[in-house]
Protein backbone atom coordinates (compact mmCIF):
# COMPACT_ATOMS: atom_id res chain seq x y z
CA UNK A 1 -36.82 35.32 -12.22
CA UNK A 2 -33.91 34.82 -9.51
CA UNK A 3 -34.72 31.27 -8.14
CA UNK A 4 -35.49 27.88 -10.05
CA UNK A 5 -38.79 26.51 -9.96
CA UNK A 6 -37.76 23.55 -8.22
CA UNK A 7 -38.64 21.89 -4.92
CA UNK A 8 -35.84 19.88 -2.78
CA UNK A 9 -35.79 16.38 -4.05
CA UNK A 10 -34.86 14.90 -0.49
CA UNK A 11 -37.51 12.37 0.36
CA UNK A 12 -38.99 13.39 4.07
CA UNK A 13 -37.93 9.90 5.36
CA UNK A 14 -34.42 10.48 4.64
CA UNK A 15 -33.79 13.02 7.25
CA UNK A 16 -32.40 11.85 10.53
CA UNK A 17 -31.14 8.40 11.31
CA UNK A 18 -28.53 6.38 9.42
CA UNK A 19 -28.15 6.99 5.70
CA UNK A 20 -30.07 4.45 3.30
CA UNK A 21 -28.98 3.06 -0.16
CA UNK A 22 -30.55 4.92 -3.20
CA UNK A 23 -29.05 2.90 -5.38
CA UNK A 24 -27.89 -0.65 -5.03
CA UNK A 25 -25.93 -2.32 -7.75
CA UNK A 26 -25.13 -6.35 -7.45
CA UNK A 27 -23.16 -8.52 -10.08
CA UNK A 28 -23.22 -5.81 -12.51
CA UNK A 29 -21.46 -7.03 -15.97
CA UNK A 30 -21.18 -6.17 -19.29
CA UNK A 31 -18.74 -7.55 -22.06
CA UNK A 32 -18.06 -6.05 -25.34
CA UNK A 33 -17.77 -8.87 -28.52
CA UNK A 34 -14.52 -8.29 -30.46
CA UNK A 35 -12.97 -10.47 -32.99
CA UNK A 36 -9.03 -11.40 -32.79
CA UNK A 37 -7.52 -10.96 -36.30
CA UNK A 38 -9.21 -11.26 -39.63
CA UNK A 39 -11.85 -13.94 -39.24
CA UNK A 40 -10.57 -14.77 -35.88
CA UNK A 41 -12.42 -16.42 -33.14
CA UNK A 42 -14.73 -14.02 -31.17
CA UNK A 43 -13.46 -12.87 -27.78
CA UNK A 44 -15.01 -10.27 -25.44
CA UNK A 45 -13.80 -7.17 -23.52
CA UNK A 46 -14.68 -7.63 -20.00
CA UNK A 47 -15.49 -3.99 -19.47
CA UNK A 48 -17.48 -4.35 -16.35
CA UNK A 49 -17.15 -7.80 -14.72
CA UNK A 50 -19.03 -7.98 -11.56
CA UNK A 51 -19.17 -4.86 -9.97
CA UNK A 52 -21.21 -4.45 -6.46
CA UNK A 53 -21.50 -1.09 -4.64
CA UNK A 54 -24.15 1.28 -3.04
CA UNK A 55 -24.70 4.47 -3.25
CA UNK A 56 -26.51 5.93 0.04
CA UNK A 57 -29.05 8.89 0.22
CA UNK A 58 -27.65 12.33 0.20
CA UNK A 59 -23.75 11.20 -0.50
CA UNK A 60 -21.29 11.85 -3.19
CA UNK A 61 -19.94 8.85 -4.16
CA UNK A 62 -16.48 9.32 -6.12
CA UNK A 63 -15.28 6.45 -8.59
CA UNK A 64 -11.66 6.70 -9.55
CA UNK A 65 -9.10 4.56 -11.69
CA UNK A 66 -7.07 4.38 -14.71
CA UNK A 67 -8.41 4.94 -18.14
CA UNK A 68 -10.10 1.58 -19.43
CA UNK A 69 -11.02 0.58 -15.86
CA UNK A 70 -14.71 0.60 -16.53
CA UNK A 71 -15.94 3.69 -14.85
CA UNK A 72 -17.57 5.52 -17.63
CA UNK A 73 -19.19 2.04 -18.96
CA UNK A 74 -20.38 1.72 -15.54
CA UNK A 75 -22.15 5.02 -15.49
CA UNK A 76 -23.87 4.16 -18.90
CA UNK A 77 -25.14 1.16 -17.57
CA UNK A 78 -26.42 2.88 -14.42
CA UNK A 79 -28.21 5.48 -16.93
CA UNK A 80 -29.61 2.62 -19.12
CA UNK A 81 -27.46 3.82 -22.04
CA UNK A 82 -26.14 0.74 -22.99
CA UNK A 83 -27.79 -2.61 -21.86
CA UNK A 84 -26.33 -4.80 -18.87
CA UNK A 85 -25.40 -8.29 -19.49
CA UNK A 86 -26.48 -9.40 -16.07
CA UNK A 87 -26.59 -8.04 -12.80
CA UNK A 88 -29.26 -6.46 -10.40
CA UNK A 89 -29.93 -2.69 -9.97
CA UNK A 90 -31.99 -1.28 -7.00
CA UNK A 91 -33.17 2.24 -6.98
CA UNK A 92 -34.94 3.03 -3.40
CA UNK A 93 -35.64 -0.28 -3.04
CA UNK A 94 -37.55 -1.39 -6.38
CA UNK A 95 -35.91 -2.99 -9.20
CA UNK A 96 -34.72 -0.91 -12.29
CA UNK A 97 -36.70 -2.04 -15.37
CA UNK A 98 -39.13 -3.76 -13.48
CA UNK A 99 -43.28 -3.36 -13.67
CA UNK A 100 -42.69 -1.27 -10.32
CA UNK A 101 -40.11 0.74 -11.59
CA UNK A 102 -40.04 0.91 -15.44
CA UNK A 103 -36.81 2.50 -16.87
CA UNK A 104 -38.87 5.71 -18.09
CA UNK A 105 -39.84 6.21 -14.51
CA UNK A 106 -36.17 5.59 -13.31
CA UNK A 107 -34.63 8.07 -15.70
CA UNK A 108 -36.89 10.73 -14.30
CA UNK A 109 -35.22 10.38 -10.99
CA UNK A 110 -31.84 9.82 -12.32
CA UNK A 111 -29.79 12.23 -14.94
CA UNK A 112 -26.38 12.53 -16.25
CA UNK A 113 -23.65 15.05 -16.99
CA UNK A 114 -21.23 13.96 -19.76
CA UNK A 115 -17.49 15.24 -20.17
CA UNK A 116 -18.00 16.77 -23.48
CA UNK A 117 -20.12 19.85 -22.81
CA UNK A 118 -20.50 20.52 -26.67
CA UNK A 119 -21.62 17.14 -27.96
CA UNK A 120 -23.98 16.90 -25.16
CA UNK A 121 -26.15 19.79 -26.44
CA UNK A 122 -27.88 19.94 -29.53
CA UNK A 123 -26.44 22.40 -31.60
CA UNK A 124 -29.83 23.64 -33.09
CA UNK A 125 -31.42 24.27 -30.02
CA UNK A 126 -31.16 27.21 -27.94
CA UNK A 127 -30.07 27.10 -24.36
CA UNK A 128 -33.46 27.77 -22.99
CA UNK A 129 -35.06 24.91 -25.47
CA UNK A 130 -32.64 22.50 -24.43
CA UNK A 131 -33.48 22.84 -20.87
CA UNK A 132 -37.17 23.00 -21.03
CA UNK A 133 -37.05 19.91 -23.45
CA UNK A 134 -36.98 17.18 -20.77
CA UNK A 135 -40.10 18.76 -18.68
CA UNK A 136 -41.96 19.28 -21.60
CA UNK A 137 -41.50 15.51 -22.96
CA UNK A 138 -42.59 14.31 -19.51
CA UNK A 139 -45.97 16.32 -19.44
CA UNK A 140 -44.81 19.73 -17.91
CA UNK A 141 -46.63 22.51 -19.65
CA UNK A 142 -44.75 24.60 -21.88
CA UNK A 143 -44.85 27.79 -20.19
CA UNK A 144 -44.25 26.15 -16.91
CA UNK A 145 -40.99 24.21 -18.59
CA UNK A 146 -39.93 27.75 -19.76
CA UNK A 147 -40.09 29.11 -16.86
CA UNK A 148 -38.54 26.23 -14.77
CA UNK A 149 -35.64 26.42 -17.54
CA UNK A 150 -34.98 30.42 -16.99
CA UNK A 151 -34.93 29.85 -13.20
CA UNK A 152 -32.56 27.14 -13.41
CA UNK A 153 -30.39 29.32 -15.74
CA UNK A 154 -30.18 31.65 -13.06
CA UNK A 155 -29.58 29.16 -10.16
CA UNK A 156 -26.35 27.73 -12.02
CA UNK A 157 -25.07 31.61 -12.60
CA UNK A 158 -26.14 32.48 -16.19
CA UNK A 159 -28.53 35.47 -16.45
CA UNK A 160 -31.57 34.33 -18.40
CA UNK A 161 -31.80 37.65 -20.49
CA UNK A 162 -28.46 36.98 -21.72
CA UNK A 163 -28.24 33.19 -22.25
CA UNK A 164 -31.60 31.96 -23.09
CA UNK A 165 -31.65 32.64 -26.63
CA UNK A 166 -28.20 31.40 -27.23
CA UNK A 167 -26.76 28.45 -29.10
CA UNK A 168 -24.37 26.08 -27.59
CA UNK A 169 -21.66 27.23 -30.06
CA UNK A 170 -21.98 30.86 -28.54
CA UNK A 171 -21.07 29.64 -25.05
CA UNK A 172 -17.47 28.99 -23.49
CA UNK A 173 -16.93 25.48 -21.98
CA UNK A 174 -17.63 26.39 -18.39
CA UNK A 175 -21.01 28.07 -19.53
CA UNK A 176 -22.11 24.98 -21.62
CA UNK A 177 -21.15 22.80 -18.73
CA UNK A 178 -23.56 24.97 -16.54
CA UNK A 179 -26.40 24.56 -18.90
CA UNK A 180 -25.80 20.52 -18.99
CA UNK A 181 -25.95 20.97 -14.79
CA UNK A 182 -29.35 22.85 -15.43
CA UNK A 183 -30.79 20.61 -17.84
CA UNK A 184 -29.76 17.53 -15.68
CA UNK A 185 -31.98 19.23 -12.78
CA UNK A 186 -34.99 20.16 -14.83
CA UNK A 187 -36.58 16.94 -14.28
CA UNK A 188 -36.11 17.38 -10.69
CA UNK A 189 -33.93 14.12 -10.06
CA UNK A 190 -32.77 12.47 -7.18
CA UNK A 191 -29.36 11.16 -8.31
CA UNK A 192 -27.19 12.83 -10.67
CA UNK A 193 -24.43 10.91 -12.29
CA UNK A 194 -21.53 13.28 -13.11
CA UNK A 195 -18.89 11.42 -15.76
CA UNK A 196 -15.72 13.71 -15.85
CA UNK A 197 -17.85 16.70 -15.68
CA UNK A 198 -15.18 19.12 -15.08
CA UNK A 199 -12.31 17.62 -16.50
CA UNK A 200 -12.25 19.58 -19.54
CA UNK A 201 -12.43 22.79 -17.61
CA UNK A 202 -9.68 25.03 -16.78
CA UNK A 203 -8.66 25.04 -13.18
CA UNK A 204 -10.56 28.44 -12.12
CA UNK A 205 -13.72 27.24 -13.73
CA UNK A 206 -13.61 23.83 -12.72
CA UNK A 207 -13.04 25.22 -8.94
CA UNK A 208 -16.39 27.57 -9.78
CA UNK A 209 -18.21 24.51 -11.35
CA UNK A 210 -17.35 22.23 -8.29
CA UNK A 211 -18.52 24.86 -5.83
CA UNK A 212 -21.68 25.08 -7.62
CA UNK A 213 -22.33 21.33 -7.25
CA UNK A 214 -21.79 21.54 -3.48
CA UNK A 215 -24.55 24.28 -3.30
CA UNK A 216 -27.15 22.46 -5.61
CA UNK A 217 -26.41 19.05 -3.84
CA UNK A 218 -27.28 20.80 -0.41
CA UNK A 219 -30.15 22.90 -1.90
CA UNK A 220 -32.04 20.28 -3.66
CA UNK A 221 -31.30 17.18 -1.41
CA UNK A 222 -29.29 15.39 -4.43
CA UNK A 223 -27.28 12.29 -4.34
CA UNK A 224 -24.06 12.36 -6.58
CA UNK A 225 -22.10 9.61 -8.35
CA UNK A 226 -19.06 11.73 -9.37
CA UNK A 227 -16.27 10.05 -11.86
CA UNK A 228 -13.08 11.55 -12.29
CA UNK A 229 -9.67 10.57 -12.89
CA UNK A 230 -8.41 13.59 -10.71
CA UNK A 231 -7.96 12.22 -7.16
CA UNK A 232 -7.61 16.08 -5.72
CA UNK A 233 -11.17 16.62 -7.07
CA UNK A 234 -12.63 13.19 -5.75
CA UNK A 235 -11.19 14.01 -2.27
CA UNK A 236 -12.62 17.48 -2.49
CA UNK A 237 -16.24 16.40 -3.56
CA UNK A 238 -16.66 13.12 -2.39
CA UNK A 239 -18.03 11.53 1.12
CA UNK A 240 -16.90 8.04 -0.16
CA UNK A 241 -14.55 6.88 -3.02
CA UNK A 242 -14.58 3.66 -4.83
CA UNK A 243 -11.63 2.44 -6.96
CA UNK A 244 -12.07 0.40 -9.83
CA UNK A 245 -9.32 -1.75 -11.67
CA UNK A 246 -9.78 -3.70 -14.76
CA UNK A 247 -13.61 -3.81 -14.51
CA UNK A 248 -13.93 -4.47 -10.94
CA UNK A 249 -13.82 -2.65 -7.70
CA UNK A 250 -10.50 -2.89 -5.72
CA UNK A 251 -11.33 -0.95 -2.86
CA UNK A 252 -14.70 1.23 -1.59
CA UNK A 253 -14.98 3.21 1.73
CA UNK A 254 -14.92 6.65 3.30
CA UNK A 255 -12.88 9.14 1.37
CA UNK A 256 -10.60 10.50 4.48
CA UNK A 257 -9.83 6.70 5.00
CA UNK A 258 -9.31 5.29 1.37
CA UNK A 259 -7.28 8.46 0.50
CA UNK A 260 -5.48 8.70 3.72
CA UNK A 261 -4.81 4.98 4.43
CA UNK A 262 -5.45 3.09 1.27
CA UNK A 263 -5.94 -0.73 1.99
CA UNK A 264 -5.52 -1.90 -1.74
CA UNK A 265 -1.68 -1.62 -3.22
CA UNK A 266 -3.60 0.13 -6.16
CA UNK A 267 -5.07 2.79 -4.68
CA UNK A 268 -1.83 3.72 -2.95
CA UNK A 269 -0.20 3.65 -6.29
CA UNK A 270 -2.86 6.04 -7.70
CA UNK A 271 -2.13 8.43 -4.63
CA UNK A 272 1.55 8.38 -5.17
CA UNK A 273 1.11 9.21 -8.89
CA UNK A 274 -0.69 12.40 -7.84
CA UNK A 275 1.33 15.63 -9.11
CA UNK A 276 2.63 17.68 -6.40
CA UNK A 277 3.54 21.39 -6.46
CA UNK A 278 6.29 20.93 -3.82
CA UNK A 279 9.42 20.18 -5.13
CA UNK A 280 10.37 18.27 -2.03
CA UNK A 281 7.40 15.74 -2.62
CA UNK A 282 8.10 14.83 -6.43
CA UNK A 283 8.52 11.47 -6.52
CA UNK A 284 11.50 10.59 -9.68
CA UNK A 285 10.48 6.83 -9.42
CA UNK A 286 7.76 5.01 -11.13
CA UNK A 287 5.84 3.41 -8.35
CA UNK A 288 3.09 1.37 -10.70
CA UNK A 289 5.24 -0.23 -13.72
CA UNK A 290 3.69 -1.25 -16.74
CA UNK A 291 0.13 -1.10 -18.19
CA UNK A 292 -3.26 -2.59 -17.00
CA UNK A 293 -3.57 -6.18 -18.74
CA UNK A 294 -5.59 -6.91 -21.65
CA UNK A 295 -9.16 -6.90 -20.69
CA UNK A 296 -9.83 -9.50 -22.97
CA UNK A 297 -7.83 -11.95 -21.18
CA UNK A 298 -7.47 -10.81 -17.57
CA UNK A 299 -4.59 -12.77 -15.58
CA UNK A 300 -6.00 -15.27 -13.06
CA UNK A 301 -6.57 -14.66 -9.58
CA UNK A 302 -6.06 -10.89 -8.39
CA UNK A 303 -6.10 -8.95 -11.59
CA UNK A 304 -3.75 -6.50 -10.25
CA UNK A 305 -0.98 -9.17 -9.15
CA UNK A 306 1.14 -8.64 -12.19
CA UNK A 307 1.78 -5.08 -11.42
CA UNK A 308 1.97 -5.36 -7.49
CA UNK A 309 4.89 -5.45 -5.31
CA UNK A 310 2.86 -7.48 -2.70
CA UNK A 311 2.18 -10.23 -5.37
CA UNK A 312 2.40 -13.74 -3.78
CA UNK A 313 1.76 -17.04 -5.45
CA UNK A 314 -1.55 -17.04 -3.96
CA UNK A 315 -2.50 -13.93 -5.81
CA UNK A 316 -2.45 -15.60 -9.10
CA UNK A 317 -4.73 -18.58 -7.96
CA UNK A 318 -7.33 -17.04 -5.74
CA UNK A 319 -9.70 -14.24 -6.77
CA UNK A 320 -9.64 -11.72 -3.47
CA UNK A 321 -13.34 -11.11 -2.21
CA UNK A 322 -14.22 -7.40 -1.60
CA UNK A 323 -13.96 -7.87 2.22
CA UNK A 324 -13.97 -5.53 5.34
CA UNK A 325 -10.64 -3.88 6.32
CA UNK A 326 -12.25 -1.31 8.74
CA UNK A 327 -15.94 0.01 9.40
CA UNK A 328 -17.55 0.81 6.29
CA UNK A 329 -13.84 0.29 4.33
CA UNK A 330 -13.66 -2.66 1.92
CA UNK A 331 -10.77 -3.66 -0.23
CA UNK A 332 -10.19 -6.74 -2.65
CA UNK A 333 -6.74 -7.65 -1.62
CA UNK A 334 -5.35 -11.13 0.03
CA UNK A 335 -2.69 -9.25 1.85
CA UNK A 336 -5.29 -7.75 3.91
CA UNK A 337 -7.57 -10.84 4.65
CA UNK A 338 -7.02 -13.28 7.58
CA UNK A 339 -6.23 -16.78 6.74
CA UNK A 340 -6.19 -15.97 3.01
CA UNK A 341 -2.71 -17.78 2.47
CA UNK A 342 -1.01 -14.49 1.64
CA UNK A 343 2.50 -14.42 3.48
CA UNK A 344 1.72 -10.92 4.64
CA UNK A 345 -1.92 -11.51 5.55
CA UNK A 346 -2.86 -11.27 9.27
CA UNK A 347 -3.26 -14.38 11.34
CA UNK A 348 -6.53 -16.08 11.08
CA UNK A 349 -9.02 -14.68 13.51
CA UNK A 350 -9.73 -17.13 16.55
CA UNK A 351 -13.42 -18.36 16.55
CA UNK A 352 -15.71 -16.44 19.09
C-alpha cells in the first residue's frame, strides 16, 4: 500500500478568511508540592503559573525557553497527562473536560510525539501493532486499523513489508520517531503536540523529519505545537513563537517578528546565545548571566529582573502584563509599555 488510509483533518469551515483559534488557553496553572529540608515546611514549585495563549487553526506555534521554564509541563497539561490546578482550555470553542467535550473525545483530536522515541513505544509490541492500537481502542475494526497502520508507515517513509513486524529495539532513533509520528496520526487528529521531537536525532535525520512534518501538516491540514530549545529549528518550522520564562509567557508573536526584532530582553538573550558557524559572529561575552531564579520562590515583579540589563526599580514592584507591542505581537516587558513607570518606556499615549 502506497498511501495512508487517512482523510485530511482540516475543517471545511477553516478554508479562507482569517485564522481562528483551535486551542485557547487561559490562566493555566500547575504547582508541584515539595518539602524544604527534613520535615520542613511544604512549598510548591510554580512550574506553570498563569499561562495564556491561542493556537490558530493550521499554524505551527513554537514554544521556546530555557530548561525548567515550563514548556514540557505545559504540553502535558494540554494533553491531560497531568491535571491542571486551574485555568481554562477551549478546543474549537468547547471547554475541554466538559460534557460537550469530554477528555476521551478531546484526546482523539489531539495527539503527542515525545522526545524519547524508544520509551514512547511498547517494547513488546510490533511497529504495526503500536500504530493500530489507538484506532482499535476507539472502535476501528481490526483489519481497517492494520491497513491504516501500514498506510501510515509508507507515508512516513518506512516500507511496511520491512518494518511492520519489527520491534522498537530493531529500529534506529530516526525510524522510531517516524513510527511515533505515524502512531500520532492514526486517530486522524487535528492538533499534534511535538515535545522536543527532533532534539535527540542527528542533524541529517533531524532535517528529514522536519521536512516530513511540514509535508504531513500540508497534506492533512494539521495544527502543530512545536516545543524545542533549538531556535534554528523553531525558526524553520514555526509560524508564531511563544517564549516562556519561569512558568510564564514573556513574549509571543509571528516568528519573523519575534526572532528578528525581539521585544523582550530575555528573547534577545536567547537569540544571542545561538551558536554560529561564522567565526566572525561568535560572541565571547556571556550575554545572559546567572541561572533562572528558584521556581519555589520567584522574584517579585518581573521574574526576569534579576538577570535583565534593562531592569529598573519598577520592575521589582510591578508584574508586567502581556501587552501588544506591534500587530499580533505581545511582550511582558515594562520597558515596552507606555506609562509603565519604567525610565525607558515610551511616553504615555494621549487619550483619543
